Amino acid sequence: MQKKGEKNMKKKKPREAKITFEGLVTEALPNGMFRVRLENDTIVLGYISGKIRCSSIRILMGDRVKIEVSRYDSSKGRIIYRLPPPKSSKCAEDSKDSEDSKD
């Protein structure tokens, strides 16, 4: 018997566990699909998640991304985050040289 104000509570199924990897976009395909090379040298077909699509974040070849891969089908995954480009020491040296030339 239910008490007043208590709704019919159903048990939720636990979500399917996904594995998150970092990878490098190697090829851009139509309709927001990309080929991504993971850290373990596996190539996966990645599609853009809804948040990235709504935010109009551009993903290009050579970008590093985070991708969720299902346990059941490891050949496809969802791109959930575009990682910032690495800060190389060469760029930092170039900016120092340009500051020195101004003086």
N, C-alpha and C. Protein backbone atom coordinates (compact mmCIF):
# COMPACT_ATOMS: atom_id res chain seq x y z
N MET A 1 0.83 -1.17 0.00
CA MET A 1 0.00 0.00 0.00
C MET A 1 0.89 1.25 0.00
N GLN A 2 0.52 2.22 -0.85
CA GLN A 2 1.32 3.43 -0.96
C GLN A 2 0.80 4.49 0.01
N LYS A 3 1.75 5.28 0.52
CA LYS A 3 1.38 6.39 1.38
C LYS A 3 1.00 7.57 0.51
N LYS A 4 0.34 8.53 1.12
CA LYS A 4 -0.08 9.73 0.38
C LYS A 4 1.15 10.50 -0.09
N GLY A 5 1.14 10.92 -1.35
CA GLY A 5 2.25 11.69 -1.91
C GLY A 5 3.40 10.84 -2.43
N GLU A 6 3.32 9.54 -2.25
CA GLU A 6 4.38 8.65 -2.72
C GLU A 6 4.02 8.12 -4.09
N LYS A 7 4.91 8.28 -5.04
CA LYS A 7 4.63 7.84 -6.41
C LYS A 7 5.07 6.40 -6.59
N ASN A 8 4.57 5.81 -7.64
CA ASN A 8 4.93 4.44 -7.97
C ASN A 8 6.39 4.43 -8.43
N MET A 9 7.29 3.99 -7.58
CA MET A 9 8.72 4.02 -7.87
C MET A 9 9.12 2.73 -8.59
N LYS A 10 9.78 2.91 -9.74
CA LYS A 10 10.29 1.77 -10.49
C LYS A 10 11.80 1.75 -10.34
N LYS A 11 12.35 0.56 -10.30
CA LYS A 11 13.79 0.45 -10.23
C LYS A 11 14.38 0.75 -11.60
N LYS A 12 15.40 1.60 -11.60
CA LYS A 12 16.08 1.94 -12.85
C LYS A 12 17.17 0.92 -13.12
N LYS A 13 17.34 0.61 -14.39
CA LYS A 13 18.44 -0.27 -14.77
C LYS A 13 19.74 0.53 -14.71
N PRO A 14 20.81 -0.10 -14.27
CA PRO A 14 22.09 0.62 -14.29
C PRO A 14 22.51 0.88 -15.73
N ARG A 15 23.12 2.04 -15.94
CA ARG A 15 23.56 2.40 -17.30
C ARG A 15 24.67 1.48 -17.76
N GLU A 16 24.71 1.31 -19.06
CA GLU A 16 25.75 0.49 -19.67
C GLU A 16 27.11 1.17 -19.42
N ALA A 17 28.05 0.43 -18.92
CA ALA A 17 29.37 0.98 -18.63
C ALA A 17 30.10 1.27 -19.93
N LYS A 18 30.66 2.46 -20.04
CA LYS A 18 31.41 2.84 -21.22
C LYS A 18 32.86 3.08 -20.81
N ILE A 19 33.75 2.85 -21.74
CA ILE A 19 35.16 3.05 -21.49
C ILE A 19 35.58 4.32 -22.22
N THR A 20 36.28 5.21 -21.53
CA THR A 20 36.72 6.47 -22.12
C THR A 20 38.18 6.38 -22.52
N PHE A 21 38.45 6.79 -23.75
CA PHE A 21 39.82 6.81 -24.28
C PHE A 21 40.13 8.21 -24.79
N GLU A 22 41.43 8.48 -24.95
CA GLU A 22 41.86 9.67 -25.68
C GLU A 22 42.37 9.19 -27.03
N GLY A 23 42.13 9.99 -28.05
CA GLY A 23 42.57 9.59 -29.38
C GLY A 23 42.85 10.78 -30.26
N LEU A 24 43.31 10.49 -31.47
CA LEU A 24 43.66 11.50 -32.46
C LEU A 24 42.77 11.32 -33.67
N VAL A 25 42.14 12.40 -34.13
CA VAL A 25 41.28 12.33 -35.30
C VAL A 25 42.16 12.21 -36.54
N THR A 26 41.97 11.14 -37.29
CA THR A 26 42.81 10.90 -38.47
C THR A 26 42.09 11.19 -39.77
N GLU A 27 40.74 11.13 -39.76
CA GLU A 27 39.99 11.34 -41.01
C GLU A 27 38.61 11.89 -40.67
N ALA A 28 38.17 12.88 -41.45
CA ALA A 28 36.83 13.44 -41.29
C ALA A 28 35.92 12.82 -42.35
N LEU A 29 34.79 12.30 -41.92
CA LEU A 29 33.81 11.68 -42.80
C LEU A 29 32.53 12.51 -42.79
N PRO A 30 31.60 12.29 -43.71
CA PRO A 30 30.36 13.08 -43.71
C PRO A 30 29.49 12.82 -42.48
N ASN A 31 28.56 13.75 -42.24
CA ASN A 31 27.55 13.65 -41.17
C ASN A 31 28.14 13.57 -39.77
N GLY A 32 29.19 14.31 -39.51
CA GLY A 32 29.76 14.35 -38.16
C GLY A 32 30.41 13.07 -37.71
N MET A 33 30.95 12.31 -38.64
CA MET A 33 31.64 11.06 -38.30
C MET A 33 33.13 11.26 -38.53
N PHE A 34 33.93 10.58 -37.71
CA PHE A 34 35.39 10.71 -37.79
C PHE A 34 36.03 9.36 -37.54
N ARG A 35 37.22 9.16 -38.12
CA ARG A 35 38.03 8.01 -37.76
C ARG A 35 39.00 8.50 -36.69
N VAL A 36 39.05 7.78 -35.59
CA VAL A 36 39.87 8.18 -34.45
C VAL A 36 40.84 7.05 -34.13
N ARG A 37 42.11 7.39 -34.01
CA ARG A 37 43.13 6.42 -33.60
C ARG A 37 43.32 6.57 -32.10
N LEU A 38 43.03 5.50 -31.36
CA LEU A 38 43.13 5.52 -29.91
C LEU A 38 44.57 5.35 -29.46
N GLU A 39 44.78 5.51 -28.15
CA GLU A 39 46.13 5.38 -27.59
C GLU A 39 46.73 4.00 -27.83
N ASN A 40 45.87 2.97 -27.89
CA ASN A 40 46.37 1.61 -28.09
C ASN A 40 46.41 1.22 -29.57
N ASP A 41 46.47 2.21 -30.47
CA ASP A 41 46.58 2.05 -31.92
C ASP A 41 45.39 1.34 -32.56
N THR A 42 44.24 1.37 -31.90
CA THR A 42 43.01 0.85 -32.49
C THR A 42 42.31 2.01 -33.21
N ILE A 43 41.75 1.73 -34.38
CA ILE A 43 41.01 2.76 -35.11
C ILE A 43 39.52 2.54 -34.89
N VAL A 44 38.82 3.61 -34.48
CA VAL A 44 37.41 3.56 -34.12
C VAL A 44 36.66 4.59 -34.96
N LEU A 45 35.42 4.26 -35.31
CA LEU A 45 34.55 5.22 -35.98
C LEU A 45 33.84 6.03 -34.90
N GLY A 46 34.09 7.34 -34.86
CA GLY A 46 33.51 8.19 -33.83
C GLY A 46 32.47 9.13 -34.39
N TYR A 47 31.41 9.36 -33.62
CA TYR A 47 30.40 10.35 -34.01
C TYR A 47 30.32 11.40 -32.92
N ILE A 48 29.85 12.58 -33.29
CA ILE A 48 29.83 13.72 -32.37
C ILE A 48 28.65 13.59 -31.41
N SER A 49 28.87 13.87 -30.14
CA SER A 49 27.79 13.85 -29.16
C SER A 49 26.90 15.08 -29.35
N GLY A 50 25.72 15.03 -28.78
CA GLY A 50 24.75 16.12 -28.93
C GLY A 50 25.22 17.44 -28.37
N LYS A 51 25.93 17.42 -27.23
CA LYS A 51 26.40 18.66 -26.63
C LYS A 51 27.40 19.36 -27.53
N ILE A 52 28.29 18.59 -28.13
CA ILE A 52 29.29 19.19 -29.03
C ILE A 52 28.60 19.74 -30.27
N ARG A 53 27.62 19.01 -30.77
CA ARG A 53 26.88 19.46 -31.96
C ARG A 53 26.12 20.76 -31.67
N CYS A 54 25.44 20.82 -30.52
CA CYS A 54 24.68 22.02 -30.15
C CYS A 54 25.58 23.22 -29.88
N SER A 55 26.77 22.96 -29.34
CA SER A 55 27.71 24.04 -29.03
C SER A 55 28.50 24.50 -30.24
N SER A 56 28.29 23.86 -31.38
CA SER A 56 28.99 24.19 -32.64
C SER A 56 30.51 24.13 -32.48
N ILE A 57 30.99 23.13 -31.76
CA ILE A 57 32.43 22.95 -31.60
C ILE A 57 32.95 22.24 -32.84
N ARG A 58 33.95 22.82 -33.47
CA ARG A 58 34.51 22.26 -34.69
C ARG A 58 35.58 21.23 -34.34
N ILE A 59 35.51 20.10 -34.97
CA ILE A 59 36.53 19.06 -34.80
C ILE A 59 37.18 18.86 -36.16
N LEU A 60 38.50 18.95 -36.19
CA LEU A 60 39.26 18.85 -37.43
C LEU A 60 40.25 17.70 -37.34
N MET A 61 40.81 17.33 -38.48
CA MET A 61 41.84 16.30 -38.50
C MET A 61 43.03 16.77 -37.67
N GLY A 62 43.58 15.88 -36.89
CA GLY A 62 44.73 16.22 -36.05
C GLY A 62 44.34 16.65 -34.65
N ASP A 63 43.06 16.82 -34.36
CA ASP A 63 42.63 17.19 -33.02
C ASP A 63 42.67 15.99 -32.09
N ARG A 64 42.98 16.23 -30.83
CA ARG A 64 42.92 15.19 -29.81
C ARG A 64 41.55 15.27 -29.16
N VAL A 65 40.91 14.12 -28.98
CA VAL A 65 39.55 14.06 -28.45
C VAL A 65 39.43 12.98 -27.39
N LYS A 66 38.39 13.12 -26.54
CA LYS A 66 38.00 12.04 -25.63
C LYS A 66 36.83 11.34 -26.27
N ILE A 67 36.84 10.02 -26.24
CA ILE A 67 35.80 9.25 -26.91
C ILE A 67 35.33 8.14 -25.98
N GLU A 68 34.01 7.96 -25.91
CA GLU A 68 33.40 6.88 -25.12
C GLU A 68 33.15 5.70 -26.03
N VAL A 69 33.63 4.53 -25.65
CA VAL A 69 33.46 3.32 -26.45
C VAL A 69 32.67 2.32 -25.63
N SER A 70 31.67 1.70 -26.25
CA SER A 70 30.86 0.70 -25.57
C SER A 70 31.65 -0.59 -25.41
N ARG A 71 31.33 -1.33 -24.37
CA ARG A 71 31.99 -2.62 -24.17
C ARG A 71 31.56 -3.63 -25.23
N TYR A 72 30.33 -3.47 -25.70
CA TYR A 72 29.74 -4.47 -26.60
C TYR A 72 30.17 -4.29 -28.04
N ASP A 73 30.35 -3.04 -28.48
CA ASP A 73 30.77 -2.78 -29.86
C ASP A 73 31.95 -1.82 -29.81
N SER A 74 33.14 -2.35 -29.82
CA SER A 74 34.33 -1.51 -29.65
C SER A 74 34.81 -0.88 -30.96
N SER A 75 34.02 -1.00 -32.03
CA SER A 75 34.42 -0.39 -33.29
C SER A 75 33.81 1.01 -33.48
N LYS A 76 32.88 1.39 -32.59
CA LYS A 76 32.23 2.70 -32.68
C LYS A 76 32.29 3.39 -31.34
N GLY A 77 32.28 4.72 -31.37
CA GLY A 77 32.30 5.47 -30.13
C GLY A 77 31.73 6.86 -30.31
N ARG A 78 31.47 7.52 -29.17
CA ARG A 78 30.90 8.87 -29.18
C ARG A 78 31.97 9.84 -28.71
N ILE A 79 32.23 10.87 -29.52
CA ILE A 79 33.21 11.90 -29.16
C ILE A 79 32.53 12.83 -28.18
N ILE A 80 33.10 12.92 -26.96
CA ILE A 80 32.44 13.70 -25.91
C ILE A 80 33.20 14.97 -25.55
N TYR A 81 34.46 15.11 -25.99
CA TYR A 81 35.24 16.27 -25.59
C TYR A 81 36.38 16.48 -26.57
N ARG A 82 36.62 17.74 -26.94
CA ARG A 82 37.77 18.09 -27.77
C ARG A 82 38.83 18.66 -26.84
N LEU A 83 39.99 18.00 -26.79
CA LEU A 83 41.06 18.43 -25.90
C LEU A 83 41.78 19.64 -26.47
N PRO A 84 42.27 20.53 -25.61
CA PRO A 84 43.00 21.70 -26.11
C PRO A 84 44.31 21.26 -26.75
N PRO A 85 44.82 22.03 -27.71
CA PRO A 85 46.08 21.65 -28.35
C PRO A 85 47.22 21.71 -27.34
N PRO A 86 48.21 20.83 -27.49
CA PRO A 86 49.33 20.83 -26.53
C PRO A 86 50.16 22.10 -26.68
N LYS A 87 50.63 22.60 -25.56
CA LYS A 87 51.49 23.79 -25.60
C LYS A 87 52.92 23.32 -25.80
N SER A 88 53.44 23.60 -26.96
CA SER A 88 54.80 23.16 -27.26
C SER A 88 55.79 24.22 -26.81
N SER A 89 56.99 23.80 -26.52
CA SER A 89 58.03 24.73 -26.07
C SER A 89 58.47 25.63 -27.21
N LYS A 90 58.32 25.17 -28.47
CA LYS A 90 58.72 25.96 -29.62
C LYS A 90 57.88 27.23 -29.71
N CYS A 91 56.58 27.12 -29.47
CA CYS A 91 55.71 28.29 -29.52
C CYS A 91 56.09 29.27 -28.42
N ALA A 92 56.43 28.76 -27.25
CA ALA A 92 56.83 29.62 -26.14
C ALA A 92 58.13 30.35 -26.48
N GLU A 93 59.07 29.65 -27.13
CA GLU A 93 60.34 30.28 -27.52
C GLU A 93 60.10 31.36 -28.56
N ASP A 94 59.20 31.11 -29.52
CA ASP A 94 58.90 32.10 -30.55
C ASP A 94 58.33 33.37 -29.94
N SER A 95 57.45 33.22 -28.95
CA SER A 95 56.86 34.39 -28.33
C SER A 95 57.90 35.18 -27.54
N LYS A 96 58.89 34.49 -26.93
CA LYS A 96 59.97 35.18 -26.23
C LYS A 96 60.82 35.96 -27.22
N ASP A 97 61.13 35.36 -28.37
CA ASP A 97 61.93 36.03 -29.38
C ASP A 97 61.23 37.28 -29.90
N SER A 98 59.91 37.20 -30.10
CA SER A 98 59.19 38.36 -30.61
C SER A 98 59.14 39.46 -29.56
N GLU A 99 59.09 39.11 -28.25
CA GLU A 99 59.13 40.13 -27.21
C GLU A 99 60.48 40.80 -27.15
N ASP A 100 61.56 40.02 -27.33
CA ASP A 100 62.90 40.59 -27.30
C ASP A 100 63.13 41.54 -28.47
N SER A 101 62.57 41.22 -29.63
CA SER A 101 62.76 42.07 -30.80
C SER A 101 62.02 43.39 -30.67
N LYS A 102 60.97 43.45 -29.84
CA LYS A 102 60.24 44.70 -29.63
C LYS A 102 61.07 45.70 -28.85
N ASP A 103 61.92 45.21 -27.95
CA ASP A 103 62.71 46.11 -27.08
C ASP A 103 63.79 46.78 -27.81
